[in-house]
């Protein structure tokens, strides 16, 4: 996939996440993480393999967030779990953007 096509795909994913999500600290953080991934792809900081891994990780977090809110409330345990998942994803994004060889 070319860099331009990848950038367009990432932009669509970011826009879709922001538009279809309800407002809240978890969804805002997911959008920021998606932006960080999308910025790393065209610059070459994030390889296609890393991008796929990070996108799957973001999808898992989104699924867990939706499941946590499915009953209409977010318990303290669920909030801690989501925060830990997002912390891990943030570290993974940082590693992908700052590794010297393009893979970890």
Protein backbone atom coordinates (compact mmCIF):
# COMPACT_ATOMS: atom_id res chain seq x y z
CA UNK A 1 0.00 0.00 0.00
CA UNK A 2 1.41 3.40 -0.84
CA UNK A 3 2.06 6.01 1.78
CA UNK A 4 -0.72 8.23 0.46
CA UNK A 5 -3.28 5.42 0.52
CA UNK A 6 -2.19 4.44 4.02
CA UNK A 7 -2.55 8.06 5.18
CA UNK A 8 -6.04 8.27 3.73
CA UNK A 9 -7.00 4.98 5.39
CA UNK A 10 -5.66 6.14 8.76
CA UNK A 11 -7.46 9.47 8.44
CA UNK A 12 -10.71 7.65 7.77
CA UNK A 13 -10.20 5.45 10.80
CA UNK A 14 -9.53 8.45 13.01
CA UNK A 15 -12.52 10.36 11.71
CA UNK A 16 -14.76 7.31 12.10
CA UNK A 17 -13.62 6.81 15.69
CA UNK A 18 -14.19 10.43 16.63
CA UNK A 19 -17.56 10.81 14.87
CA UNK A 20 -19.17 7.55 15.97
CA UNK A 21 -17.99 7.58 19.58
CA UNK A 22 -19.68 9.16 22.52
CA UNK A 23 -17.73 11.90 24.28
CA UNK A 24 -15.63 11.03 27.28
CA UNK A 25 -12.07 10.79 28.49
CA UNK A 26 -11.57 7.28 27.14
CA UNK A 27 -12.84 8.05 23.64
CA UNK A 28 -10.83 11.28 23.49
CA UNK A 29 -7.71 9.38 24.46
CA UNK A 30 -8.44 6.72 21.82
CA UNK A 31 -8.72 9.48 19.21
CA UNK A 32 -5.40 11.00 20.31
CA UNK A 33 -3.73 7.59 20.12
CA UNK A 34 -5.18 7.01 16.65
CA UNK A 35 -3.75 10.38 15.61
CA UNK A 36 -0.32 9.43 16.93
CA UNK A 37 -0.41 6.18 14.94
CA UNK A 38 -1.57 7.99 11.80
CA UNK A 39 1.22 10.56 12.12
CA UNK A 40 3.86 7.85 12.39
CA UNK A 41 2.85 5.93 9.26
CA UNK A 42 3.60 8.54 6.55
CA UNK A 43 6.83 9.60 8.25
CA UNK A 44 8.06 6.00 8.34
CA UNK A 45 8.37 5.96 12.12
CA UNK A 46 5.68 3.27 12.26
CA UNK A 47 6.05 0.33 9.88
CA UNK A 48 3.03 -1.36 8.25
CA UNK A 49 3.44 -4.35 10.57
CA UNK A 50 3.54 -2.12 13.64
CA UNK A 51 0.57 -0.18 12.33
CA UNK A 52 -1.52 -3.35 12.02
CA UNK A 53 -0.57 -4.38 15.57
CA UNK A 54 -1.40 -0.94 16.98
CA UNK A 55 -4.71 -0.75 15.09
CA UNK A 56 -5.76 -4.17 16.41
CA UNK A 57 -4.84 -3.04 19.91
CA UNK A 58 -6.98 0.08 19.50
CA UNK A 59 -9.88 -2.04 18.22
CA UNK A 60 -9.63 -4.29 21.29
CA UNK A 61 -9.72 -1.27 23.60
CA UNK A 62 -12.75 0.10 21.72
CA UNK A 63 -14.54 -3.25 22.10
CA UNK A 64 -13.75 -3.39 25.82
CA UNK A 65 -14.97 0.21 26.26
CA UNK A 66 -18.26 -0.57 24.53
CA UNK A 67 -18.71 -3.71 26.65
CA UNK A 68 -17.96 -1.75 29.84
CA UNK A 69 -20.58 0.88 28.97
CA UNK A 70 -23.15 -1.68 27.73
CA UNK A 71 -25.05 -1.59 31.03
CA UNK A 72 -25.05 2.21 31.11
CA UNK A 73 -22.47 2.62 33.89
CA UNK A 74 -18.73 2.32 34.19
CA UNK A 75 -17.58 0.61 37.37
CA UNK A 76 -14.29 1.61 39.02
CA UNK A 77 -12.80 -1.76 38.04
CA UNK A 78 -13.81 -1.24 34.40
CA UNK A 79 -12.35 2.27 34.41
CA UNK A 80 -9.04 0.98 35.85
CA UNK A 81 -8.96 -1.81 33.27
CA UNK A 82 -9.54 0.61 30.38
CA UNK A 83 -6.92 3.01 31.75
CA UNK A 84 -4.35 0.22 31.97
CA UNK A 85 -5.11 -0.91 28.43
CA UNK A 86 -4.74 2.63 27.13
CA UNK A 87 -1.50 3.12 29.08
CA UNK A 88 -0.10 -0.04 27.50
CA UNK A 89 -1.24 1.09 24.05
CA UNK A 90 0.39 4.48 24.58
CA UNK A 91 3.68 2.79 25.48
CA UNK A 92 3.41 0.55 22.42
CA UNK A 93 2.83 3.57 20.17
CA UNK A 94 5.81 5.38 21.69
CA UNK A 95 8.03 2.33 21.19
CA UNK A 96 6.90 1.94 17.58
CA UNK A 97 7.64 5.59 16.82
CA UNK A 98 11.02 5.64 18.57
CA UNK A 99 12.57 2.27 17.78
CA UNK A 100 15.71 2.34 15.67
CA UNK A 101 14.90 -0.55 13.35
CA UNK A 102 11.21 -0.23 12.59
CA UNK A 103 10.23 -3.43 14.43
CA UNK A 104 10.28 -4.52 18.06
